[in-house]
């Protein structure tokens, strides 16, 4: 674990002192949510890189994670509306890295179909007004990752087809960030 903390410290805007401020308050929630300590540190580092202090980032992540585990009535209505109107949108409240990945994949679909404003509005309805901007910064990184997973998986498939390889992922279907998150948790 110390290796990963040093990796975060040496390769991100977050220093060990920032982790000392944020992680003790963040870890109980993130561990219950199903994230590792390293994933919690990475999430905090993503916010820190966007200019959010460790203390503010901790509050935003704690609030965001709690809101993703159980949706309010207003949030559920917004999710239901998006499910009906946007092809492929399928976010469900839950726990774990797959829930975060599903949230990012779903927001990415909203952004592609209806634009940034609609994606921001959905985050606001789920997170509440006070943490929306900070959690949107975090999810923007996840949405970018979602886009990159989709593009990279397509390119790998095309390269495989050109080389006569039908199943480049060895029986796993990797098309979204959720698929990638699932595969990353499996032993290699």
C-alpha atoms as a PDB file:
ATOM      1  CA  UNK A   1       0.000   0.000   0.000  1.00  0.00           C
ATOM      2  CA  UNK A   2       2.881   2.346   0.785  1.00  0.00           C
ATOM      3  CA  UNK A   3       4.183   1.804  -2.756  1.00  0.00           C
ATOM      4  CA  UNK A   4       0.849   2.981  -4.174  1.00  0.00           C
ATOM      5  CA  UNK A   5       0.748   6.012  -1.871  1.00  0.00           C
ATOM      6  CA  UNK A   6       4.233   6.974  -3.033  1.00  0.00           C
ATOM      7  CA  UNK A   7       3.115   6.438  -6.630  1.00  0.00           C
ATOM      8  CA  UNK A   8       0.166   8.813  -6.099  1.00  0.00           C
ATOM      9  CA  UNK A   9       2.419  11.305  -4.267  1.00  0.00           C
ATOM     10  CA  UNK A  10       5.087  11.279  -6.983  1.00  0.00           C
ATOM     11  CA  UNK A  11       2.793  11.297 -10.028  1.00  0.00           C
ATOM     12  CA  UNK A  12      -0.152  13.513  -9.111  1.00  0.00           C
ATOM     13  CA  UNK A  13      -0.853  16.917  -7.588  1.00  0.00           C
ATOM     14  CA  UNK A  14      -1.703  15.237  -4.277  1.00  0.00           C
ATOM     15  CA  UNK A  15       0.930  15.136  -1.566  1.00  0.00           C
ATOM     16  CA  UNK A  16       1.137  12.719   1.357  1.00  0.00           C
ATOM     17  CA  UNK A  17      -0.119  15.525   3.643  1.00  0.00           C
ATOM     18  CA  UNK A  18      -3.257  15.810   1.464  1.00  0.00           C
ATOM     19  CA  UNK A  19      -3.828  12.073   1.858  1.00  0.00           C
ATOM     20  CA  UNK A  20      -3.346  12.449   5.612  1.00  0.00           C
ATOM     21  CA  UNK A  21      -6.108  15.081   5.649  1.00  0.00           C
ATOM     22  CA  UNK A  22      -8.601  13.324   3.403  1.00  0.00           C
ATOM     23  CA  UNK A  23      -8.165   9.574   3.534  1.00  0.00           C
ATOM     24  CA  UNK A  24      -9.022   8.946   7.228  1.00  0.00           C
ATOM     25  CA  UNK A  25     -12.432  10.523   6.602  1.00  0.00           C
ATOM     26  CA  UNK A  26     -12.849   8.971   3.170  1.00  0.00           C
ATOM     27  CA  UNK A  27     -11.725   5.374   3.717  1.00  0.00           C
ATOM     28  CA  UNK A  28     -14.616   4.176   5.939  1.00  0.00           C
ATOM     29  CA  UNK A  29     -17.154   5.182   3.274  1.00  0.00           C
ATOM     30  CA  UNK A  30     -15.124   4.012   0.284  1.00  0.00           C
ATOM     31  CA  UNK A  31     -14.323   0.628   1.823  1.00  0.00           C
ATOM     32  CA  UNK A  32     -18.011   0.059   2.588  1.00  0.00           C
ATOM     33  CA  UNK A  33     -18.742   1.128  -0.982  1.00  0.00           C
ATOM     34  CA  UNK A  34     -16.299  -1.504  -2.221  1.00  0.00           C
ATOM     35  CA  UNK A  35     -13.329   0.604  -3.313  1.00  0.00           C
ATOM     36  CA  UNK A  36      -9.766  -0.114  -2.288  1.00  0.00           C
ATOM     37  CA  UNK A  37      -7.716   2.417  -0.356  1.00  0.00           C
ATOM     38  CA  UNK A  38      -5.658   2.966  -3.505  1.00  0.00           C
ATOM     39  CA  UNK A  39      -8.806   3.686  -5.548  1.00  0.00           C
ATOM     40  CA  UNK A  40      -9.955   6.153  -2.874  1.00  0.00           C
ATOM     41  CA  UNK A  41      -6.558   7.889  -3.015  1.00  0.00           C
ATOM     42  CA  UNK A  42      -6.768   7.977  -6.810  1.00  0.00           C
ATOM     43  CA  UNK A  43     -10.237   9.541  -6.717  1.00  0.00           C
ATOM     44  CA  UNK A  44      -9.027  12.185  -4.284  1.00  0.00           C
ATOM     45  CA  UNK A  45      -5.955  12.805  -6.451  1.00  0.00           C
ATOM     46  CA  UNK A  46      -8.188  13.354  -9.500  1.00  0.00           C
ATOM     47  CA  UNK A  47     -10.073  16.085  -7.660  1.00  0.00           C
ATOM     48  CA  UNK A  48      -6.858  17.612  -6.320  1.00  0.00           C
ATOM     49  CA  UNK A  49      -5.486  17.764  -9.874  1.00  0.00           C
ATOM     50  CA  UNK A  50      -8.608  19.747 -10.834  1.00  0.00           C
ATOM     51  CA  UNK A  51      -7.843  22.325  -8.136  1.00  0.00           C
ATOM     52  CA  UNK A  52     -10.141  21.053  -5.375  1.00  0.00           C
ATOM     53  CA  UNK A  53      -8.577  20.938  -1.904  1.00  0.00           C
ATOM     54  CA  UNK A  54      -8.222  17.575  -0.172  1.00  0.00           C
ATOM     55  CA  UNK A  55     -10.794  18.587   2.459  1.00  0.00           C
ATOM     56  CA  UNK A  56     -13.378  19.694  -0.148  1.00  0.00           C
ATOM     57  CA  UNK A  57     -12.639  16.655  -2.304  1.00  0.00           C
ATOM     58  CA  UNK A  58     -13.187  14.358   0.654  1.00  0.00           C
ATOM     59  CA  UNK A  59     -16.624  15.863   1.324  1.00  0.00           C
ATOM     60  CA  UNK A  60     -17.566  15.696  -2.364  1.00  0.00           C
ATOM     61  CA  UNK A  61     -16.505  12.047  -2.693  1.00  0.00           C
ATOM     62  CA  UNK A  62     -18.187  10.978   0.547  1.00  0.00           C
ATOM     63  CA  UNK A  63     -21.416  12.693  -0.478  1.00  0.00           C
ATOM     64  CA  UNK A  64     -21.230  11.419  -4.050  1.00  0.00           C
ATOM     65  CA  UNK A  65     -20.593   7.835  -3.047  1.00  0.00           C
ATOM     66  CA  UNK A  66     -23.441   7.889  -0.539  1.00  0.00           C
ATOM     67  CA  UNK A  67     -25.774   9.366  -3.164  1.00  0.00           C
ATOM     68  CA  UNK A  68     -24.843   6.645  -5.658  1.00  0.00           C
ATOM     69  CA  UNK A  69     -25.755   3.855  -3.241  1.00  0.00           C
ATOM     70  CA  UNK A  70     -29.378   4.925  -2.860  1.00  0.00           C
ATOM     71  CA  UNK A  71     -31.085   7.464  -5.103  1.00  0.00           C
ATOM     72  CA  UNK A  72     -33.507  10.096  -3.853  1.00  0.00           C
ATOM     73  CA  UNK A  73     -36.939  10.229  -5.461  1.00  0.00           C
ATOM     74  CA  UNK A  74     -35.865  13.205  -7.633  1.00  0.00           C
ATOM     75  CA  UNK A  75     -32.679  11.397  -8.673  1.00  0.00           C
ATOM     76  CA  UNK A  76     -34.548   8.184  -9.492  1.00  0.00           C
ATOM     77  CA  UNK A  77     -37.021  10.120 -11.644  1.00  0.00           C
ATOM     78  CA  UNK A  78     -34.125  11.728 -13.544  1.00  0.00           C
ATOM     79  CA  UNK A  79     -32.471   8.325 -14.034  1.00  0.00           C
ATOM     80  CA  UNK A  80     -35.771   6.799 -15.193  1.00  0.00           C
ATOM     81  CA  UNK A  81     -36.246   9.642 -17.699  1.00  0.00           C
ATOM     82  CA  UNK A  82     -32.712   9.161 -19.050  1.00  0.00           C
ATOM     83  CA  UNK A  83     -33.246   5.393 -19.261  1.00  0.00           C
ATOM     84  CA  UNK A  84     -36.344   5.931 -21.397  1.00  0.00           C
ATOM     85  CA  UNK A  85     -34.922   8.645 -23.640  1.00  0.00           C
ATOM     86  CA  UNK A  86     -31.240   7.698 -24.153  1.00  0.00           C
ATOM     87  CA  UNK A  87     -30.309   4.443 -25.839  1.00  0.00           C
ATOM     88  CA  UNK A  88     -27.987   2.316 -23.714  1.00  0.00           C
ATOM     89  CA  UNK A  89     -28.421   4.370 -20.529  1.00  0.00           C
ATOM     90  CA  UNK A  90     -28.722   1.859 -17.694  1.00  0.00           C
ATOM     91  CA  UNK A  91     -27.361   3.348 -14.459  1.00  0.00           C
ATOM     92  CA  UNK A  92     -28.574   1.710 -11.263  1.00  0.00           C
ATOM     93  CA  UNK A  93     -27.641   2.739  -7.741  1.00  0.00           C
ATOM     94  CA  UNK A  94     -25.361   0.293  -5.981  1.00  0.00           C
ATOM     95  CA  UNK A  95     -21.882  -0.140  -4.600  1.00  0.00           C
ATOM     96  CA  UNK A  96     -18.423  -0.790  -5.933  1.00  0.00           C
ATOM     97  CA  UNK A  97     -16.163   0.300  -8.725  1.00  0.00           C
ATOM     98  CA  UNK A  98     -18.707  -1.051 -11.208  1.00  0.00           C
ATOM     99  CA  UNK A  99     -21.297   1.443  -9.924  1.00  0.00           C
ATOM    100  CA  UNK A 100     -18.862   4.320 -10.479  1.00  0.00           C
ATOM    101  CA  UNK A 101     -18.018   2.948 -13.915  1.00  0.00           C
ATOM    102  CA  UNK A 102     -21.715   2.540 -14.768  1.00  0.00           C
ATOM    103  CA  UNK A 103     -22.350   6.121 -13.661  1.00  0.00           C
ATOM    104  CA  UNK A 104     -19.522   7.334 -15.926  1.00  0.00           C
ATOM    105  CA  UNK A 105     -20.666   5.202 -18.880  1.00  0.00           C
ATOM    106  CA  UNK A 106     -24.220   6.479 -18.449  1.00  0.00           C
ATOM    107  CA  UNK A 107     -23.135  10.130 -18.190  1.00  0.00           C
ATOM    108  CA  UNK A 108     -20.963   9.651 -21.263  1.00  0.00           C
ATOM    109  CA  UNK A 109     -24.054   8.445 -23.154  1.00  0.00           C
ATOM    110  CA  UNK A 110     -26.045  11.467 -21.937  1.00  0.00           C
ATOM    111  CA  UNK A 111     -23.240  13.770 -23.010  1.00  0.00           C
ATOM    112  CA  UNK A 112     -23.056  12.164 -26.476  1.00  0.00           C
ATOM    113  CA  UNK A 113     -26.825  12.203 -26.953  1.00  0.00           C
ATOM    114  CA  UNK A 114     -27.820  15.500 -25.342  1.00  0.00           C
ATOM    115  CA  UNK A 115     -24.674  17.496 -24.522  1.00  0.00           C
ATOM    116  CA  UNK A 116     -22.708  18.638 -21.493  1.00  0.00           C
ATOM    117  CA  UNK A 117     -25.531  20.659 -19.997  1.00  0.00           C
ATOM    118  CA  UNK A 118     -27.861  17.651 -19.814  1.00  0.00           C
ATOM    119  CA  UNK A 119     -25.085  15.523 -18.260  1.00  0.00           C
ATOM    120  CA  UNK A 120     -24.427  18.270 -15.686  1.00  0.00           C
ATOM    121  CA  UNK A 121     -28.151  18.509 -14.889  1.00  0.00           C
ATOM    122  CA  UNK A 122     -28.304  14.774 -14.277  1.00  0.00           C
ATOM    123  CA  UNK A 123     -25.319  14.931 -11.914  1.00  0.00           C
ATOM    124  CA  UNK A 124     -27.000  17.840 -10.102  1.00  0.00           C
ATOM    125  CA  UNK A 125     -30.226  15.869  -9.621  1.00  0.00           C
ATOM    126  CA  UNK A 126     -28.338  12.862  -8.275  1.00  0.00           C
ATOM    127  CA  UNK A 127     -25.705  14.649  -6.160  1.00  0.00           C
ATOM    128  CA  UNK A 128     -27.597  17.704  -5.004  1.00  0.00           C
ATOM    129  CA  UNK A 129     -26.586  21.263  -5.765  1.00  0.00           C
ATOM    130  CA  UNK A 130     -23.771  21.652  -3.205  1.00  0.00           C
ATOM    131  CA  UNK A 131     -21.482  18.877  -4.464  1.00  0.00           C
ATOM    132  CA  UNK A 132     -22.421  18.873  -8.143  1.00  0.00           C
ATOM    133  CA  UNK A 133     -19.490  20.863  -9.520  1.00  0.00           C
ATOM    134  CA  UNK A 134     -16.868  18.930  -7.572  1.00  0.00           C
ATOM    135  CA  UNK A 135     -18.341  15.501  -8.288  1.00  0.00           C
ATOM    136  CA  UNK A 136     -18.779  16.471 -11.941  1.00  0.00           C
ATOM    137  CA  UNK A 137     -15.025  17.171 -12.086  1.00  0.00           C
ATOM    138  CA  UNK A 138     -14.391  13.653 -10.813  1.00  0.00           C
ATOM    139  CA  UNK A 139     -16.926  12.075 -13.165  1.00  0.00           C
ATOM    140  CA  UNK A 140     -15.486  14.037 -16.097  1.00  0.00           C
ATOM    141  CA  UNK A 141     -12.278  12.048 -15.659  1.00  0.00           C
ATOM    142  CA  UNK A 142     -14.327   8.851 -15.509  1.00  0.00           C
ATOM    143  CA  UNK A 143     -16.298   9.863 -18.598  1.00  0.00           C
ATOM    144  CA  UNK A 144     -13.044  10.457 -20.447  1.00  0.00           C
ATOM    145  CA  UNK A 145     -11.904   7.008 -19.331  1.00  0.00           C
ATOM    146  CA  UNK A 146     -15.208   5.575 -20.578  1.00  0.00           C
ATOM    147  CA  UNK A 147     -14.657   7.164 -23.971  1.00  0.00           C
ATOM    148  CA  UNK A 148     -11.068   5.906 -24.118  1.00  0.00           C
ATOM    149  CA  UNK A 149     -12.071   2.342 -23.176  1.00  0.00           C
ATOM    150  CA  UNK A 150     -14.709   2.345 -25.934  1.00  0.00           C
ATOM    151  CA  UNK A 151     -12.265   3.710 -28.530  1.00  0.00           C
ATOM    152  CA  UNK A 152      -9.382   1.457 -27.481  1.00  0.00           C
ATOM    153  CA  UNK A 153     -11.550  -1.674 -27.404  1.00  0.00           C
ATOM    154  CA  UNK A 154     -12.800  -0.874 -30.928  1.00  0.00           C
ATOM    155  CA  UNK A 155      -9.246  -0.379 -32.191  1.00  0.00           C
ATOM    156  CA  UNK A 156      -8.067  -3.641 -30.600  1.00  0.00           C
ATOM    157  CA  UNK A 157     -11.011  -5.503 -32.161  1.00  0.00           C
ATOM    158  CA  UNK A 158     -10.218  -4.033 -35.586  1.00  0.00           C
ATOM    159  CA  UNK A 159      -6.549  -4.969 -35.292  1.00  0.00           C
ATOM    160  CA  UNK A 160      -7.564  -8.474 -34.258  1.00  0.00           C
ATOM    161  CA  UNK A 161      -9.915  -8.827 -37.220  1.00  0.00           C
ATOM    162  CA  UNK A 162      -7.202  -7.648 -39.599  1.00  0.00           C
ATOM    163  CA  UNK A 163      -4.905 -10.307 -38.139  1.00  0.00           C
ATOM    164  CA  UNK A 164      -7.555 -13.035 -38.298  1.00  0.00           C
ATOM    165  CA  UNK A 165      -8.202 -13.090 -34.527  1.00  0.00           C
ATOM    166  CA  UNK A 166     -11.912 -13.135 -33.749  1.00  0.00           C
ATOM    167  CA  UNK A 167     -11.745 -13.105 -29.949  1.00  0.00           C
ATOM    168  CA  UNK A 168      -9.050 -10.605 -28.961  1.00  0.00           C
ATOM    169  CA  UNK A 169     -10.289 -10.371 -25.366  1.00  0.00           C
ATOM    170  CA  UNK A 170     -10.183 -14.085 -24.601  1.00  0.00           C
ATOM    171  CA  UNK A 171     -13.907 -14.595 -24.085  1.00  0.00           C
ATOM    172  CA  UNK A 172     -14.446 -11.352 -22.199  1.00  0.00           C
ATOM    173  CA  UNK A 173     -16.592  -8.659 -23.733  1.00  0.00           C
ATOM    174  CA  UNK A 174     -14.906  -5.316 -23.061  1.00  0.00           C
ATOM    175  CA  UNK A 175     -16.924  -2.489 -24.551  1.00  0.00           C
ATOM    176  CA  UNK A 176     -17.478  -0.095 -21.652  1.00  0.00           C
ATOM    177  CA  UNK A 177     -15.801   1.204 -18.518  1.00  0.00           C
ATOM    178  CA  UNK A 178     -17.995  -1.206 -16.515  1.00  0.00           C
ATOM    179  CA  UNK A 179     -16.594  -4.151 -18.494  1.00  0.00           C
ATOM    180  CA  UNK A 180     -13.078  -2.843 -17.917  1.00  0.00           C
ATOM    181  CA  UNK A 181     -13.721  -2.365 -14.174  1.00  0.00           C
ATOM    182  CA  UNK A 182     -15.096  -5.902 -13.916  1.00  0.00           C
ATOM    183  CA  UNK A 183     -12.146  -7.365 -15.805  1.00  0.00           C
ATOM    184  CA  UNK A 184      -9.651  -5.395 -13.714  1.00  0.00           C
ATOM    185  CA  UNK A 185     -10.943  -7.075 -10.555  1.00  0.00           C
ATOM    186  CA  UNK A 186     -10.522 -10.589 -11.922  1.00  0.00           C
ATOM    187  CA  UNK A 187      -7.266 -12.479 -11.395  1.00  0.00           C
ATOM    188  CA  UNK A 188      -5.040 -12.483 -14.457  1.00  0.00           C
END
